Amino acid sequence: GISWSAGTFTFDVTADAAATGLQVLLPTEGPSGTLAGLSRGGSPVPYSVQTIKGIQYAFFPAAGATYQATYG
């Protein structure tokens, strides 16, 4: 599922057990500002930023979990 509340985007990642090398691409600009933090289960998730066709994305490994991206 996905939800948006008070500058926080919450989303689930579900990956097949046989999947390898999956990455999430998350825009670094959101409705309430720039990506300020990313967490999984309350722990920070490191990410790298890449620009594709003029849009910046946060890239991170796609482990099955619920994530929270905070914008502001």
N, C-alpha and C. Protein backbone atom coordinates (compact mmCIF):
# COMPACT_ATOMS: atom_id res chain seq x y z
N GLY A 1 0.81 -1.18 0.00
CA GLY A 1 0.00 0.00 0.00
C GLY A 1 0.86 1.25 0.00
N ILE A 2 0.20 2.36 -0.27
CA ILE A 2 0.87 3.65 -0.24
C ILE A 2 -0.03 4.66 0.46
N SER A 3 0.61 5.65 1.11
CA SER A 3 -0.16 6.73 1.72
C SER A 3 0.71 7.97 1.83
N TRP A 4 0.05 9.13 1.93
CA TRP A 4 0.73 10.42 2.06
C TRP A 4 0.07 11.15 3.21
N SER A 5 0.88 11.61 4.18
CA SER A 5 0.33 12.35 5.30
C SER A 5 1.38 13.27 5.89
N ALA A 6 1.07 14.56 5.95
CA ALA A 6 1.91 15.57 6.60
C ALA A 6 3.38 15.49 6.17
N GLY A 7 3.60 15.40 4.86
CA GLY A 7 4.97 15.40 4.34
C GLY A 7 5.68 14.06 4.38
N THR A 8 4.96 13.00 4.75
CA THR A 8 5.56 11.67 4.79
C THR A 8 4.84 10.74 3.83
N PHE A 9 5.62 10.14 2.95
CA PHE A 9 5.13 9.16 1.97
C PHE A 9 5.48 7.79 2.51
N THR A 10 4.48 6.97 2.77
CA THR A 10 4.68 5.61 3.27
C THR A 10 4.32 4.63 2.16
N PHE A 11 5.19 3.66 1.92
CA PHE A 11 4.94 2.69 0.86
C PHE A 11 5.56 1.34 1.20
N ASP A 12 4.97 0.30 0.62
CA ASP A 12 5.45 -1.07 0.81
C ASP A 12 6.19 -1.52 -0.43
N VAL A 13 7.25 -2.30 -0.23
CA VAL A 13 7.96 -2.96 -1.31
C VAL A 13 7.80 -4.45 -1.09
N THR A 14 7.33 -5.14 -2.12
CA THR A 14 7.21 -6.60 -2.07
C THR A 14 8.02 -7.15 -3.22
N ALA A 15 8.98 -8.00 -2.90
CA ALA A 15 9.84 -8.57 -3.94
C ALA A 15 9.81 -10.09 -3.84
N ASP A 16 9.82 -10.73 -4.97
CA ASP A 16 9.89 -12.18 -5.02
C ASP A 16 11.20 -12.64 -4.37
N ALA A 17 11.18 -13.74 -3.67
CA ALA A 17 12.37 -14.25 -2.99
C ALA A 17 13.51 -14.54 -3.97
N ALA A 18 13.18 -14.83 -5.22
CA ALA A 18 14.21 -15.15 -6.21
C ALA A 18 14.77 -13.89 -6.89
N ALA A 19 14.18 -12.74 -6.61
CA ALA A 19 14.64 -11.50 -7.26
C ALA A 19 15.99 -11.07 -6.70
N THR A 20 16.84 -10.56 -7.58
CA THR A 20 18.14 -10.05 -7.16
C THR A 20 18.42 -8.71 -7.82
N GLY A 21 19.07 -7.82 -7.10
CA GLY A 21 19.51 -6.56 -7.65
C GLY A 21 18.42 -5.53 -7.88
N LEU A 22 17.25 -5.71 -7.29
CA LEU A 22 16.18 -4.73 -7.49
C LEU A 22 16.51 -3.42 -6.78
N GLN A 23 16.16 -2.31 -7.42
CA GLN A 23 16.38 -0.97 -6.86
C GLN A 23 15.06 -0.20 -6.88
N VAL A 24 14.87 0.64 -5.88
CA VAL A 24 13.73 1.56 -5.85
C VAL A 24 14.23 2.91 -6.35
N LEU A 25 13.43 3.57 -7.18
CA LEU A 25 13.70 4.93 -7.64
C LEU A 25 12.59 5.79 -7.05
N LEU A 26 12.98 6.74 -6.22
CA LEU A 26 12.03 7.60 -5.54
C LEU A 26 12.39 9.05 -5.85
N PRO A 27 11.46 9.83 -6.40
CA PRO A 27 11.79 11.22 -6.71
C PRO A 27 12.28 11.97 -5.46
N THR A 28 13.29 12.81 -5.62
CA THR A 28 13.81 13.57 -4.47
C THR A 28 13.00 14.83 -4.21
N GLU A 29 12.13 15.21 -5.15
CA GLU A 29 11.24 16.36 -4.95
C GLU A 29 9.82 15.86 -4.81
N GLY A 30 9.15 16.30 -3.75
CA GLY A 30 7.77 15.90 -3.52
C GLY A 30 6.87 17.11 -3.35
N PRO A 31 5.59 16.88 -3.09
CA PRO A 31 4.64 17.98 -2.95
C PRO A 31 4.98 18.97 -1.83
N SER A 32 5.70 18.50 -0.81
CA SER A 32 6.01 19.40 0.31
C SER A 32 7.49 19.74 0.41
N GLY A 33 8.26 19.48 -0.65
CA GLY A 33 9.67 19.86 -0.65
C GLY A 33 10.60 18.73 -1.07
N THR A 34 11.85 18.86 -0.64
CA THR A 34 12.91 17.92 -1.00
C THR A 34 12.95 16.75 -0.02
N LEU A 35 13.36 15.59 -0.52
CA LEU A 35 13.51 14.41 0.33
C LEU A 35 14.47 14.72 1.47
N ALA A 36 13.98 14.60 2.70
CA ALA A 36 14.79 14.91 3.88
C ALA A 36 15.29 13.65 4.57
N GLY A 37 14.61 12.52 4.36
CA GLY A 37 15.03 11.29 5.00
C GLY A 37 14.25 10.11 4.49
N LEU A 38 14.84 8.95 4.62
CA LEU A 38 14.24 7.70 4.18
C LEU A 38 14.49 6.67 5.27
N SER A 39 13.45 5.95 5.68
CA SER A 39 13.63 4.95 6.73
C SER A 39 12.84 3.69 6.43
N ARG A 40 13.29 2.60 7.06
CA ARG A 40 12.64 1.29 6.99
C ARG A 40 12.58 0.77 8.41
N GLY A 41 11.38 0.59 8.92
CA GLY A 41 11.24 0.10 10.29
C GLY A 41 11.86 1.04 11.31
N GLY A 42 11.87 2.33 11.03
CA GLY A 42 12.43 3.32 11.94
C GLY A 42 13.92 3.52 11.82
N SER A 43 14.59 2.73 10.99
CA SER A 43 16.04 2.87 10.80
C SER A 43 16.33 3.58 9.49
N PRO A 44 17.30 4.50 9.50
CA PRO A 44 17.64 5.22 8.26
C PRO A 44 18.08 4.27 7.15
N VAL A 45 17.71 4.59 5.93
CA VAL A 45 18.10 3.82 4.76
C VAL A 45 19.03 4.70 3.92
N PRO A 46 20.26 4.25 3.68
CA PRO A 46 21.15 5.03 2.81
C PRO A 46 20.69 4.95 1.36
N TYR A 47 20.90 6.03 0.64
CA TYR A 47 20.52 6.06 -0.77
C TYR A 47 21.50 6.93 -1.54
N SER A 48 21.53 6.72 -2.84
CA SER A 48 22.33 7.58 -3.71
C SER A 48 21.36 8.36 -4.59
N VAL A 49 21.81 9.49 -5.11
CA VAL A 49 20.96 10.33 -5.96
C VAL A 49 21.52 10.33 -7.37
N GLN A 50 20.63 10.08 -8.33
CA GLN A 50 21.00 10.12 -9.74
C GLN A 50 19.95 10.93 -10.49
N THR A 51 20.39 11.58 -11.56
CA THR A 51 19.48 12.38 -12.38
C THR A 51 19.20 11.63 -13.67
N ILE A 52 17.92 11.47 -13.96
CA ILE A 52 17.48 10.81 -15.20
C ILE A 52 16.55 11.77 -15.92
N LYS A 53 16.93 12.16 -17.13
CA LYS A 53 16.14 13.08 -17.94
C LYS A 53 15.73 14.32 -17.15
N GLY A 54 16.67 14.85 -16.37
CA GLY A 54 16.46 16.10 -15.66
C GLY A 54 15.74 15.98 -14.33
N ILE A 55 15.38 14.77 -13.91
CA ILE A 55 14.69 14.56 -12.64
C ILE A 55 15.60 13.77 -11.72
N GLN A 56 15.76 14.27 -10.48
CA GLN A 56 16.61 13.57 -9.50
C GLN A 56 15.81 12.49 -8.78
N TYR A 57 16.44 11.32 -8.64
CA TYR A 57 15.83 10.20 -7.95
C TYR A 57 16.78 9.69 -6.87
N ALA A 58 16.20 9.23 -5.76
CA ALA A 58 16.94 8.51 -4.74
C ALA A 58 16.89 7.04 -5.13
N PHE A 59 18.04 6.38 -5.18
CA PHE A 59 18.14 4.96 -5.50
C PHE A 59 18.53 4.20 -4.23
N PHE A 60 17.86 3.07 -3.97
CA PHE A 60 18.24 2.22 -2.85
C PHE A 60 17.78 0.80 -3.12
N PRO A 61 18.43 -0.20 -2.50
CA PRO A 61 18.05 -1.59 -2.72
C PRO A 61 16.61 -1.86 -2.28
N ALA A 62 15.90 -2.65 -3.07
CA ALA A 62 14.50 -2.94 -2.82
C ALA A 62 14.34 -4.18 -1.95
N ALA A 63 14.46 -4.02 -0.64
CA ALA A 63 14.19 -5.11 0.30
C ALA A 63 12.70 -5.07 0.64
N GLY A 64 12.08 -6.23 0.77
CA GLY A 64 10.67 -6.28 1.12
C GLY A 64 10.44 -5.69 2.51
N ALA A 65 9.71 -4.57 2.57
CA ALA A 65 9.46 -3.89 3.84
C ALA A 65 8.54 -2.70 3.59
N THR A 66 8.20 -2.01 4.69
CA THR A 66 7.47 -0.75 4.61
C THR A 66 8.47 0.37 4.81
N TYR A 67 8.43 1.37 3.94
CA TYR A 67 9.36 2.50 3.97
C TYR A 67 8.60 3.79 4.25
N GLN A 68 9.32 4.76 4.81
CA GLN A 68 8.79 6.09 4.99
C GLN A 68 9.80 7.10 4.43
N ALA A 69 9.32 7.91 3.49
CA ALA A 69 10.13 8.98 2.91
C ALA A 69 9.56 10.29 3.42
N THR A 70 10.40 11.10 4.05
CA THR A 70 9.98 12.38 4.60
C THR A 70 10.45 13.50 3.70
N TYR A 71 9.52 14.38 3.32
CA TYR A 71 9.83 15.51 2.46
C TYR A 71 9.57 16.80 3.24
N GLY A 72 10.39 17.80 2.98
CA GLY A 72 10.12 19.08 3.62
C GLY A 72 11.32 19.98 3.61
